[in-house]
PDB file of all heavy atoms in Angstrom:
ATOM      1  N   ASN A   1       5.130   3.823 -12.144  1.00  0.00           N
ATOM      2  CA  ASN A   1       4.595   3.953 -10.791  1.00  0.00           C
ATOM      3  C   ASN A   1       3.143   3.493 -10.687  1.00  0.00           C
ATOM      4  O   ASN A   1       2.535   3.602  -9.613  1.00  0.00           O
ATOM      5  CB  ASN A   1       4.707   5.401 -10.301  1.00  0.00           C
ATOM      6  CG  ASN A   1       6.158   5.821 -10.158  1.00  0.00           C
ATOM      7  OD1 ASN A   1       7.011   5.037  -9.765  1.00  0.00           O
ATOM      8  ND2 ASN A   1       6.444   7.054 -10.515  1.00  0.00           N
ATOM      9  N   ALA A   2       2.574   3.000 -11.779  1.00  0.00           N
ATOM     10  CA  ALA A   2       1.190   2.517 -11.753  1.00  0.00           C
ATOM     11  C   ALA A   2       1.072   1.328 -10.810  1.00  0.00           C
ATOM     12  O   ALA A   2       1.985   0.506 -10.708  1.00  0.00           O
ATOM     13  CB  ALA A   2       0.741   2.131 -13.154  1.00  0.00           C
ATOM     14  N   THR A   3      -0.060   1.264 -10.121  1.00  0.00           N
ATOM     15  CA  THR A   3      -0.313   0.156  -9.211  1.00  0.00           C
ATOM     16  C   THR A   3      -1.657  -0.479  -9.546  1.00  0.00           C
ATOM     17  O   THR A   3      -2.592   0.215  -9.941  1.00  0.00           O
ATOM     18  CB  THR A   3      -0.325   0.628  -7.741  1.00  0.00           C
ATOM     19  OG1 THR A   3      -1.262   1.697  -7.598  1.00  0.00           O
ATOM     20  CG2 THR A   3       1.058   1.095  -7.318  1.00  0.00           C
ATOM     21  N   PHE A   4      -1.720  -1.796  -9.374  1.00  0.00           N
ATOM     22  CA  PHE A   4      -2.962  -2.510  -9.649  1.00  0.00           C
ATOM     23  C   PHE A   4      -3.837  -2.499  -8.401  1.00  0.00           C
ATOM     24  O   PHE A   4      -3.359  -2.702  -7.299  1.00  0.00           O
ATOM     25  CB  PHE A   4      -2.685  -3.959 -10.069  1.00  0.00           C
ATOM     26  CG  PHE A   4      -3.935  -4.703 -10.418  1.00  0.00           C
ATOM     27  CD1 PHE A   4      -4.488  -4.599 -11.682  1.00  0.00           C
ATOM     28  CD2 PHE A   4      -4.588  -5.471  -9.458  1.00  0.00           C
ATOM     29  CE1 PHE A   4      -5.661  -5.260 -12.005  1.00  0.00           C
ATOM     30  CE2 PHE A   4      -5.763  -6.134  -9.767  1.00  0.00           C
ATOM     31  CZ  PHE A   4      -6.300  -6.025 -11.042  1.00  0.00           C
ATOM     32  N   HIS A   5      -5.142  -2.259  -8.613  1.00  0.00           N
ATOM     33  CA  HIS A   5      -6.107  -2.270  -7.515  1.00  0.00           C
ATOM     34  C   HIS A   5      -7.333  -3.069  -7.934  1.00  0.00           C
ATOM     35  O   HIS A   5      -7.747  -3.019  -9.092  1.00  0.00           O
ATOM     36  CB  HIS A   5      -6.554  -0.844  -7.161  1.00  0.00           C
ATOM     37  CG  HIS A   5      -5.456  -0.010  -6.601  1.00  0.00           C
ATOM     38  ND1 HIS A   5      -5.290   0.185  -5.255  1.00  0.00           N
ATOM     39  CD2 HIS A   5      -4.473   0.688  -7.207  1.00  0.00           C
ATOM     40  CE1 HIS A   5      -4.245   0.963  -5.054  1.00  0.00           C
ATOM     41  NE2 HIS A   5      -3.726   1.286  -6.223  1.00  0.00           N
ATOM     42  N   SER A   6      -7.905  -3.751  -6.973  1.00  0.00           N
ATOM     43  CA  SER A   6      -9.165  -4.456  -7.210  1.00  0.00           C
ATOM     44  C   SER A   6     -10.297  -3.439  -7.357  1.00  0.00           C
ATOM     45  O   SER A   6     -10.175  -2.290  -6.943  1.00  0.00           O
ATOM     46  CB  SER A   6      -9.476  -5.396  -6.046  1.00  0.00           C
ATOM     47  OG  SER A   6      -8.477  -6.379  -5.953  1.00  0.00           O
ATOM     48  N   ALA A   7     -11.399  -3.908  -7.903  1.00  0.00           N
ATOM     49  CA  ALA A   7     -12.560  -3.047  -8.119  1.00  0.00           C
ATOM     50  C   ALA A   7     -13.177  -2.615  -6.794  1.00  0.00           C
ATOM     51  O   ALA A   7     -13.105  -3.334  -5.798  1.00  0.00           O
ATOM     52  CB  ALA A   7     -13.604  -3.779  -8.947  1.00  0.00           C
ATOM     53  N   LEU A   8     -13.778  -1.453  -6.810  1.00  0.00           N
ATOM     54  CA  LEU A   8     -14.626  -0.994  -5.722  1.00  0.00           C
ATOM     55  C   LEU A   8     -16.019  -0.861  -6.331  1.00  0.00           C
ATOM     56  O   LEU A   8     -16.272   0.032  -7.142  1.00  0.00           O
ATOM     57  CB  LEU A   8     -14.153   0.343  -5.157  1.00  0.00           C
ATOM     58  CG  LEU A   8     -14.960   0.901  -3.987  1.00  0.00           C
ATOM     59  CD1 LEU A   8     -14.989  -0.090  -2.812  1.00  0.00           C
ATOM     60  CD2 LEU A   8     -14.384   2.223  -3.532  1.00  0.00           C
ATOM     61  N   ARG A   9     -16.871  -1.788  -5.993  1.00  0.00           N
ATOM     62  CA  ARG A   9     -18.193  -1.900  -6.625  1.00  0.00           C
ATOM     63  C   ARG A   9     -18.913  -0.555  -6.694  1.00  0.00           C
ATOM     64  O   ARG A   9     -18.949   0.195  -5.733  1.00  0.00           O
ATOM     65  CB  ARG A   9     -19.021  -2.912  -5.852  1.00  0.00           C
ATOM     66  CG  ARG A   9     -20.322  -3.246  -6.517  1.00  0.00           C
ATOM     67  CD  ARG A   9     -21.084  -4.255  -5.678  1.00  0.00           C
ATOM     68  NE  ARG A   9     -22.441  -4.349  -6.138  1.00  0.00           N
ATOM     69  CZ  ARG A   9     -22.922  -5.405  -6.783  1.00  0.00           C
ATOM     70  NH1 ARG A   9     -22.172  -6.455  -6.985  1.00  0.00           N
ATOM     71  NH2 ARG A   9     -24.167  -5.416  -7.189  1.00  0.00           N
ATOM     72  N   ASN A  10     -19.479  -0.277  -7.855  1.00  0.00           N
ATOM     73  CA  ASN A  10     -20.213   0.961  -8.142  1.00  0.00           C
ATOM     74  C   ASN A  10     -19.348   2.216  -8.085  1.00  0.00           C
ATOM     75  O   ASN A  10     -19.871   3.327  -8.021  1.00  0.00           O
ATOM     76  CB  ASN A  10     -21.425   1.138  -7.218  1.00  0.00           C
ATOM     77  CG  ASN A  10     -22.442   0.036  -7.400  1.00  0.00           C
ATOM     78  OD1 ASN A  10     -22.667  -0.431  -8.509  1.00  0.00           O
ATOM     79  ND2 ASN A  10     -23.046  -0.389  -6.305  1.00  0.00           N
ATOM     80  N   PHE A  11     -18.034   2.046  -8.093  1.00  0.00           N
ATOM     81  CA  PHE A  11     -17.162   3.211  -8.056  1.00  0.00           C
ATOM     82  C   PHE A  11     -16.119   3.165  -9.172  1.00  0.00           C
ATOM     83  O   PHE A  11     -15.974   4.104  -9.916  1.00  0.00           O
ATOM     84  CB  PHE A  11     -16.509   3.337  -6.685  1.00  0.00           C
ATOM     85  CG  PHE A  11     -15.908   4.691  -6.428  1.00  0.00           C
ATOM     86  CD1 PHE A  11     -16.686   5.836  -6.433  1.00  0.00           C
ATOM     87  CD2 PHE A  11     -14.560   4.810  -6.173  1.00  0.00           C
ATOM     88  CE1 PHE A  11     -16.122   7.084  -6.193  1.00  0.00           C
ATOM     89  CE2 PHE A  11     -13.983   6.049  -5.925  1.00  0.00           C
ATOM     90  CZ  PHE A  11     -14.763   7.190  -5.936  1.00  0.00           C
ATOM     91  N   TYR A  12     -15.386   2.046  -9.263  1.00  0.00           N
ATOM     92  CA  TYR A  12     -14.425   1.873 -10.349  1.00  0.00           C
ATOM     93  C   TYR A  12     -14.125   0.386 -10.514  1.00  0.00           C
ATOM     94  O   TYR A  12     -14.254  -0.384  -9.575  1.00  0.00           O
ATOM     95  CB  TYR A  12     -13.133   2.672 -10.128  1.00  0.00           C
ATOM     96  CG  TYR A  12     -12.464   2.441  -8.790  1.00  0.00           C
ATOM     97  CD1 TYR A  12     -11.684   1.323  -8.559  1.00  0.00           C
ATOM     98  CD2 TYR A  12     -12.609   3.358  -7.763  1.00  0.00           C
ATOM     99  CE1 TYR A  12     -11.075   1.112  -7.340  1.00  0.00           C
ATOM    100  CE2 TYR A  12     -12.006   3.161  -6.530  1.00  0.00           C
ATOM    101  CZ  TYR A  12     -11.242   2.042  -6.331  1.00  0.00           C
ATOM    102  OH  TYR A  12     -10.638   1.832  -5.119  1.00  0.00           O
ATOM    103  N   PRO A  13     -13.731  -0.020 -11.726  1.00  0.00           N
ATOM    104  CA  PRO A  13     -13.394  -1.431 -11.960  1.00  0.00           C
ATOM    105  C   PRO A  13     -11.969  -1.726 -11.499  1.00  0.00           C
ATOM    106  O   PRO A  13     -11.214  -0.814 -11.154  1.00  0.00           O
ATOM    107  CB  PRO A  13     -13.493  -1.557 -13.487  1.00  0.00           C
ATOM    108  CG  PRO A  13     -13.072  -0.216 -13.968  1.00  0.00           C
ATOM    109  CD  PRO A  13     -13.633   0.768 -12.952  1.00  0.00           C
ATOM    110  N   SER A  14     -11.615  -2.987 -11.496  1.00  0.00           N
ATOM    111  CA  SER A  14     -10.226  -3.333 -11.208  1.00  0.00           C
ATOM    112  C   SER A  14      -9.360  -2.819 -12.354  1.00  0.00           C
ATOM    113  O   SER A  14      -9.816  -2.700 -13.486  1.00  0.00           O
ATOM    114  CB  SER A  14     -10.076  -4.843 -11.056  1.00  0.00           C
ATOM    115  OG  SER A  14     -10.431  -5.485 -12.260  1.00  0.00           O
ATOM    116  N   GLY A  15      -8.134  -2.495 -12.030  1.00  0.00           N
ATOM    117  CA  GLY A  15      -7.237  -2.020 -13.083  1.00  0.00           C
ATOM    118  C   GLY A  15      -6.025  -1.319 -12.516  1.00  0.00           C
ATOM    119  O   GLY A  15      -5.818  -1.253 -11.298  1.00  0.00           O
ATOM    120  N   TRP A  16      -5.248  -0.795 -13.432  1.00  0.00           N
ATOM    121  CA  TRP A  16      -4.006  -0.103 -13.097  1.00  0.00           C
ATOM    122  C   TRP A  16      -4.291   1.378 -12.918  1.00  0.00           C
ATOM    123  O   TRP A  16      -4.796   2.039 -13.818  1.00  0.00           O
ATOM    124  CB  TRP A  16      -2.967  -0.327 -14.187  1.00  0.00           C
ATOM    125  CG  TRP A  16      -2.483  -1.739 -14.219  1.00  0.00           C
ATOM    126  CD1 TRP A  16      -3.020  -2.785 -14.915  1.00  0.00           C
ATOM    127  CD2 TRP A  16      -1.385  -2.260 -13.488  1.00  0.00           C
ATOM    128  NE1 TRP A  16      -2.318  -3.931 -14.649  1.00  0.00           N
ATOM    129  CE2 TRP A  16      -1.295  -3.640 -13.787  1.00  0.00           C
ATOM    130  CE3 TRP A  16      -0.455  -1.700 -12.614  1.00  0.00           C
ATOM    131  CZ2 TRP A  16      -0.315  -4.454 -13.238  1.00  0.00           C
ATOM    132  CZ3 TRP A  16       0.521  -2.524 -12.067  1.00  0.00           C
ATOM    133  CH2 TRP A  16       0.573  -3.885 -12.389  1.00  0.00           C
ATOM    134  N   TRP A  17      -3.955   1.883 -11.735  1.00  0.00           N
ATOM    135  CA  TRP A  17      -4.132   3.301 -11.454  1.00  0.00           C
ATOM    136  C   TRP A  17      -2.948   4.045 -12.063  1.00  0.00           C
ATOM    137  O   TRP A  17      -1.822   3.953 -11.579  1.00  0.00           O
ATOM    138  CB  TRP A  17      -4.209   3.547  -9.968  1.00  0.00           C
ATOM    139  CG  TRP A  17      -5.446   3.018  -9.289  1.00  0.00           C
ATOM    140  CD1 TRP A  17      -6.305   2.060  -9.762  1.00  0.00           C
ATOM    141  CD2 TRP A  17      -5.951   3.419  -8.027  1.00  0.00           C
ATOM    142  NE1 TRP A  17      -7.304   1.841  -8.864  1.00  0.00           N
ATOM    143  CE2 TRP A  17      -7.124   2.662  -7.780  1.00  0.00           C
ATOM    144  CE3 TRP A  17      -5.530   4.332  -7.068  1.00  0.00           C
ATOM    145  CZ2 TRP A  17      -7.868   2.808  -6.623  1.00  0.00           C
ATOM    146  CZ3 TRP A  17      -6.271   4.478  -5.907  1.00  0.00           C
ATOM    147  CH2 TRP A  17      -7.437   3.726  -5.702  1.00  0.00           C
ATOM    148  N   LEU A  18      -3.201   4.777 -13.113  1.00  0.00           N
ATOM    149  CA  LEU A  18      -2.152   5.544 -13.784  1.00  0.00           C
ATOM    150  C   LEU A  18      -1.946   6.895 -13.113  1.00  0.00           C
ATOM    151  O   LEU A  18      -0.836   7.423 -13.087  1.00  0.00           O
ATOM    152  CB  LEU A  18      -2.512   5.740 -15.266  1.00  0.00           C
ATOM    153  CG  LEU A  18      -2.858   4.460 -16.039  1.00  0.00           C
ATOM    154  CD1 LEU A  18      -3.194   4.792 -17.481  1.00  0.00           C
ATOM    155  CD2 LEU A  18      -1.736   3.442 -15.947  1.00  0.00           C
ATOM    156  N   VAL A  19      -3.033   7.468 -12.614  1.00  0.00           N
ATOM    157  CA  VAL A  19      -3.003   8.719 -11.845  1.00  0.00           C
ATOM    158  C   VAL A  19      -3.810   8.470 -10.574  1.00  0.00           C
ATOM    159  O   VAL A  19      -4.973   8.081 -10.641  1.00  0.00           O
ATOM    160  CB  VAL A  19      -3.623   9.888 -12.641  1.00  0.00           C
ATOM    161  CG1 VAL A  19      -3.747  11.138 -11.773  1.00  0.00           C
ATOM    162  CG2 VAL A  19      -2.812  10.183 -13.893  1.00  0.00           C
ATOM    163  N   THR A  20      -3.182   8.670  -9.429  1.00  0.00           N
ATOM    164  CA  THR A  20      -3.848   8.460  -8.144  1.00  0.00           C
ATOM    165  C   THR A  20      -4.111   9.814  -7.499  1.00  0.00           C
ATOM    166  O   THR A  20      -3.243  10.687  -7.497  1.00  0.00           O
ATOM    167  CB  THR A  20      -2.966   7.604  -7.213  1.00  0.00           C
ATOM    168  OG1 THR A  20      -2.747   6.341  -7.842  1.00  0.00           O
ATOM    169  CG2 THR A  20      -3.624   7.389  -5.859  1.00  0.00           C
ATOM    170  N   ARG A  21      -5.314   9.987  -6.968  1.00  0.00           N
ATOM    171  CA  ARG A  21      -5.699  11.225  -6.300  1.00  0.00           C
ATOM    172  C   ARG A  21      -6.122  10.926  -4.868  1.00  0.00           C
ATOM    173  O   ARG A  21      -6.629   9.855  -4.578  1.00  0.00           O
ATOM    174  CB  ARG A  21      -6.862  11.899  -7.037  1.00  0.00           C
ATOM    175  CG  ARG A  21      -6.538  12.317  -8.440  1.00  0.00           C
ATOM    176  CD  ARG A  21      -5.550  13.446  -8.448  1.00  0.00           C
ATOM    177  NE  ARG A  21      -5.344  13.921  -9.815  1.00  0.00           N
ATOM    178  CZ  ARG A  21      -4.204  14.371 -10.268  1.00  0.00           C
ATOM    179  NH1 ARG A  21      -3.147  14.401  -9.484  1.00  0.00           N
ATOM    180  NH2 ARG A  21      -4.107  14.805 -11.501  1.00  0.00           N
ATOM    181  N   ARG A  22      -5.906  11.903  -4.005  1.00  0.00           N
ATOM    182  CA  ARG A  22      -6.348  11.812  -2.618  1.00  0.00           C
ATOM    183  C   ARG A  22      -7.736  12.421  -2.520  1.00  0.00           C
ATOM    184  O   ARG A  22      -7.997  13.464  -3.095  1.00  0.00           O
ATOM    185  CB  ARG A  22      -5.406  12.579  -1.685  1.00  0.00           C
ATOM    186  CG  ARG A  22      -3.978  12.097  -1.691  1.00  0.00           C
ATOM    187  CD  ARG A  22      -3.650  10.937  -0.846  1.00  0.00           C
ATOM    188  NE  ARG A  22      -4.147  11.025   0.511  1.00  0.00           N
ATOM    189  CZ  ARG A  22      -4.463   9.955   1.223  1.00  0.00           C
ATOM    190  NH1 ARG A  22      -4.331   8.753   0.714  1.00  0.00           N
ATOM    191  NH2 ARG A  22      -4.900  10.085   2.449  1.00  0.00           N
ATOM    192  N   SER A  23      -8.602  11.783  -1.767  1.00  0.00           N
ATOM    193  CA  SER A  23      -9.933  12.321  -1.540  1.00  0.00           C
ATOM    194  C   SER A  23      -9.825  13.604  -0.732  1.00  0.00           C
ATOM    195  O   SER A  23      -9.055  13.677   0.232  1.00  0.00           O
ATOM    196  CB  SER A  23     -10.792  11.305  -0.783  1.00  0.00           C
ATOM    197  OG  SER A  23     -11.993  11.903  -0.380  1.00  0.00           O
ATOM    198  N   GLN A  24     -10.605  14.611  -1.110  1.00  0.00           N
ATOM    199  CA  GLN A  24     -10.583  15.871  -0.365  1.00  0.00           C
ATOM    200  C   GLN A  24     -11.251  15.747   1.003  1.00  0.00           C
ATOM    201  O   GLN A  24     -11.187  16.662   1.818  1.00  0.00           O
ATOM    202  CB  GLN A  24     -11.203  16.997  -1.184  1.00  0.00           C
ATOM    203  CG  GLN A  24     -12.491  16.655  -1.870  1.00  0.00           C
ATOM    204  CD  GLN A  24     -12.925  17.749  -2.833  1.00  0.00           C
ATOM    205  OE1 GLN A  24     -12.913  18.909  -2.478  1.00  0.00           O
ATOM    206  NE2 GLN A  24     -13.294  17.386  -4.033  1.00  0.00           N
ATOM    207  N   PHE A  25     -11.871  14.603   1.255  1.00  0.00           N
ATOM    208  CA  PHE A  25     -12.529  14.374   2.543  1.00  0.00           C
ATOM    209  C   PHE A  25     -11.704  13.476   3.454  1.00  0.00           C
ATOM    210  O   PHE A  25     -12.198  13.036   4.484  1.00  0.00           O
ATOM    211  CB  PHE A  25     -13.916  13.766   2.324  1.00  0.00           C
ATOM    212  CG  PHE A  25     -14.803  14.653   1.513  1.00  0.00           C
ATOM    213  CD1 PHE A  25     -15.126  14.312   0.214  1.00  0.00           C
ATOM    214  CD2 PHE A  25     -15.273  15.844   2.026  1.00  0.00           C
ATOM    215  CE1 PHE A  25     -15.921  15.144  -0.559  1.00  0.00           C
ATOM    216  CE2 PHE A  25     -16.066  16.685   1.278  1.00  0.00           C
ATOM    217  CZ  PHE A  25     -16.396  16.336  -0.019  1.00  0.00           C
ATOM    218  N   GLY A  26     -10.478  13.164   3.046  1.00  0.00           N
ATOM    219  CA  GLY A  26      -9.612  12.345   3.877  1.00  0.00           C
ATOM    220  C   GLY A  26     -10.020  10.896   3.953  1.00  0.00           C
ATOM    221  O   GLY A  26      -9.659  10.209   4.898  1.00  0.00           O
ATOM    222  N   THR A  27     -10.787  10.422   2.967  1.00  0.00           N
ATOM    223  CA  THR A  27     -11.254   9.030   2.996  1.00  0.00           C
ATOM    224  C   THR A  27     -10.391   8.116   2.145  1.00  0.00           C
ATOM    225  O   THR A  27     -10.837   7.065   1.717  1.00  0.00           O
ATOM    226  CB  THR A  27     -12.721   8.954   2.515  1.00  0.00           C
ATOM    227  OG1 THR A  27     -12.795   9.537   1.206  1.00  0.00           O
ATOM    228  CG2 THR A  27     -13.651   9.685   3.465  1.00  0.00           C
ATOM    229  N   GLY A  28      -9.169   8.497   1.907  1.00  0.00           N
ATOM    230  CA  GLY A  28      -8.275   7.652   1.128  1.00  0.00           C
ATOM    231  C   GLY A  28      -8.031   8.199  -0.257  1.00  0.00           C
ATOM    232  O   GLY A  28      -8.109   9.402  -0.502  1.00  0.00           O
ATOM    233  N   SER A  29      -7.725   7.303  -1.179  1.00  0.00           N
ATOM    234  CA  SER A  29      -7.398   7.726  -2.533  1.00  0.00           C
ATOM    235  C   SER A  29      -8.324   7.034  -3.532  1.00  0.00           C
ATOM    236  O   SER A  29      -9.049   6.105  -3.188  1.00  0.00           O
ATOM    237  CB  SER A  29      -5.937   7.417  -2.836  1.00  0.00           C
ATOM    238  OG  SER A  29      -5.667   6.046  -2.645  1.00  0.00           O
ATOM    239  N   TYR A  30      -8.270   7.524  -4.759  1.00  0.00           N
ATOM    240  CA  TYR A  30      -9.083   6.981  -5.846  1.00  0.00           C
ATOM    241  C   TYR A  30      -8.309   7.142  -7.149  1.00  0.00           C
ATOM    242  O   TYR A  30      -7.378   7.955  -7.231  1.00  0.00           O
ATOM    243  CB  TYR A  30     -10.450   7.666  -5.914  1.00  0.00           C
ATOM    244  CG  TYR A  30     -10.386   9.134  -6.276  1.00  0.00           C
ATOM    245  CD1 TYR A  30     -10.467   9.546  -7.608  1.00  0.00           C
ATOM    246  CD2 TYR A  30     -10.240  10.108  -5.299  1.00  0.00           C
ATOM    247  CE1 TYR A  30     -10.408  10.879  -7.947  1.00  0.00           C
ATOM    248  CE2 TYR A  30     -10.178  11.445  -5.631  1.00  0.00           C
ATOM    249  CZ  TYR A  30     -10.268  11.831  -6.956  1.00  0.00           C
ATOM    250  OH  TYR A  30     -10.202  13.150  -7.293  1.00  0.00           O
ATOM    251  N   PRO A  31      -8.678   6.394  -8.180  1.00  0.00           N
ATOM    252  CA  PRO A  31      -7.977   6.538  -9.460  1.00  0.00           C
ATOM    253  C   PRO A  31      -8.515   7.726 -10.258  1.00  0.00           C
ATOM    254  O   PRO A  31      -9.681   7.757 -10.621  1.00  0.00           O
ATOM    255  CB  PRO A  31      -8.292   5.220 -10.176  1.00  0.00           C
ATOM    256  CG  PRO A  31      -9.620   4.809  -9.626  1.00  0.00           C
ATOM    257  CD  PRO A  31      -9.639   5.297  -8.207  1.00  0.00           C
ATOM    258  N   GLY A  32      -7.656   8.717 -10.502  1.00  0.00           N
ATOM    259  CA  GLY A  32      -8.024   9.807 -11.403  1.00  0.00           C
ATOM    260  C   GLY A  32      -8.067   9.279 -12.828  1.00  0.00           C
ATOM    261  O   GLY A  32      -8.935   9.658 -13.618  1.00  0.00           O
ATOM    262  N   LEU A  33      -7.120   8.397 -13.150  1.00  0.00           N
ATOM    263  CA  LEU A  33      -7.073   7.728 -14.455  1.00  0.00           C
ATOM    264  C   LEU A  33      -6.703   6.270 -14.223  1.00  0.00           C
ATOM    265  O   LEU A  33      -5.709   5.974 -13.567  1.00  0.00           O
ATOM    266  CB  LEU A  33      -6.053   8.392 -15.379  1.00  0.00           C
ATOM    267  CG  LEU A  33      -5.801   7.737 -16.739  1.00  0.00           C
ATOM    268  CD1 LEU A  33      -7.083   7.646 -17.559  1.00  0.00           C
ATOM    269  CD2 LEU A  33      -4.735   8.505 -17.509  1.00  0.00           C
ATOM    270  N   LEU A  34      -7.529   5.387 -14.742  1.00  0.00           N
ATOM    271  CA  LEU A  34      -7.359   3.948 -14.556  1.00  0.00           C
ATOM    272  C   LEU A  34      -7.380   3.262 -15.913  1.00  0.00           C
ATOM    273  O   LEU A  34      -8.184   3.626 -16.784  1.00  0.00           O
ATOM    274  CB  LEU A  34      -8.518   3.432 -13.689  1.00  0.00           C
ATOM    275  CG  LEU A  34      -8.613   1.941 -13.400  1.00  0.00           C
ATOM    276  CD1 LEU A  34      -9.214   1.736 -12.014  1.00  0.00           C
ATOM    277  CD2 LEU A  34      -9.467   1.221 -14.417  1.00  0.00           C
ATOM    278  N   ALA A  35      -6.496   2.296 -16.098  1.00  0.00           N
ATOM    279  CA  ALA A  35      -6.514   1.459 -17.300  1.00  0.00           C
ATOM    280  C   ALA A  35      -7.106   0.111 -16.920  1.00  0.00           C
ATOM    281  O   ALA A  35      -6.552  -0.611 -16.084  1.00  0.00           O
ATOM    282  CB  ALA A  35      -5.110   1.279 -17.860  1.00  0.00           C
ATOM    283  N   HIS A  36      -8.243  -0.205 -17.506  1.00  0.00           N
ATOM    284  CA  HIS A  36      -8.907  -1.490 -17.263  1.00  0.00           C
ATOM    285  C   HIS A  36      -8.352  -2.504 -18.264  1.00  0.00           C
ATOM    286  O   HIS A  36      -8.225  -2.198 -19.447  1.00  0.00           O
ATOM    287  CB  HIS A  36     -10.422  -1.323 -17.427  1.00  0.00           C
ATOM    288  CG  HIS A  36     -11.197  -2.553 -17.108  1.00  0.00           C
ATOM    289  ND1 HIS A  36     -11.236  -3.102 -15.843  1.00  0.00           N
ATOM    290  CD2 HIS A  36     -11.963  -3.348 -17.881  1.00  0.00           C
ATOM    291  CE1 HIS A  36     -11.999  -4.168 -15.858  1.00  0.00           C
ATOM    292  NE2 HIS A  36     -12.448  -4.354 -17.085  1.00  0.00           N
ATOM    293  N   MET A  37      -8.019  -3.695 -17.767  1.00  0.00           N
ATOM    294  CA  MET A  37      -7.369  -4.712 -18.596  1.00  0.00           C
ATOM    295  C   MET A  37      -8.249  -5.952 -18.727  1.00  0.00           C
ATOM    296  O   MET A  37      -9.026  -6.265 -17.832  1.00  0.00           O
ATOM    297  CB  MET A  37      -6.041  -5.142 -17.967  1.00  0.00           C
ATOM    298  CG  MET A  37      -5.102  -4.032 -17.558  1.00  0.00           C
ATOM    299  SD  MET A  37      -4.288  -3.234 -18.928  1.00  0.00           S
ATOM    300  CE  MET A  37      -3.036  -4.418 -19.317  1.00  0.00           C
ATOM    301  N   ARG A  38      -8.082  -6.619 -19.845  1.00  0.00           N
ATOM    302  CA  ARG A  38      -8.667  -7.944 -20.048  1.00  0.00           C
ATOM    303  C   ARG A  38      -7.634  -8.741 -20.838  1.00  0.00           C
ATOM    304  O   ARG A  38      -7.132  -8.258 -21.860  1.00  0.00           O
ATOM    305  CB  ARG A  38      -9.990  -7.850 -20.815  1.00  0.00           C
ATOM    306  CG  ARG A  38     -10.698  -9.204 -20.897  1.00  0.00           C
ATOM    307  CD  ARG A  38     -12.116  -9.095 -21.445  1.00  0.00           C
ATOM    308  NE  ARG A  38     -12.940  -8.241 -20.579  1.00  0.00           N
ATOM    309  CZ  ARG A  38     -13.641  -7.193 -21.024  1.00  0.00           C
ATOM    310  NH1 ARG A  38     -13.626  -6.850 -22.288  1.00  0.00           N
ATOM    311  NH2 ARG A  38     -14.362  -6.481 -20.187  1.00  0.00           N
ATOM    312  N   ASP A  39      -7.299  -9.921 -20.369  1.00  0.00           N
ATOM    313  CA  ASP A  39      -6.267 -10.750 -20.998  1.00  0.00           C
ATOM    314  C   ASP A  39      -4.964  -9.977 -21.192  1.00  0.00           C
ATOM    315  O   ASP A  39      -4.320 -10.052 -22.230  1.00  0.00           O
ATOM    316  CB  ASP A  39      -6.766 -11.299 -22.342  1.00  0.00           C
ATOM    317  CG  ASP A  39      -7.971 -12.204 -22.193  1.00  0.00           C
ATOM    318  OD1 ASP A  39      -8.041 -12.920 -21.166  1.00  0.00           O
ATOM    319  OD2 ASP A  39      -8.840 -12.191 -23.088  1.00  0.00           O
ATOM    320  N   ARG A  40      -4.606  -9.193 -20.161  1.00  0.00           N
ATOM    321  CA  ARG A  40      -3.353  -8.434 -20.110  1.00  0.00           C
ATOM    322  C   ARG A  40      -3.252  -7.368 -21.203  1.00  0.00           C
ATOM    323  O   ARG A  40      -2.170  -6.971 -21.607  1.00  0.00           O
ATOM    324  CB  ARG A  40      -2.159  -9.365 -20.118  1.00  0.00           C
ATOM    325  CG  ARG A  40      -2.180 -10.321 -18.923  1.00  0.00           C
ATOM    326  CD  ARG A  40      -1.095 -11.355 -18.960  1.00  0.00           C
ATOM    327  NE  ARG A  40       0.202 -10.941 -18.484  1.00  0.00           N
ATOM    328  CZ  ARG A  40       0.547 -10.778 -17.212  1.00  0.00           C
ATOM    329  NH1 ARG A  40      -0.345 -10.925 -16.287  1.00  0.00           N
ATOM    330  NH2 ARG A  40       1.765 -10.444 -16.887  1.00  0.00           N
TER     331      ARG A  40
END
């Protein structure tokens, strides 16, 4: 169920979101656990 997301500057790098969390402020979601990849 992991999904790939582009980086959000100064927040997290691009990568596969292994655990996705909802913001407690209703501003969307963020990666609780992300796997950053280089050359797959």
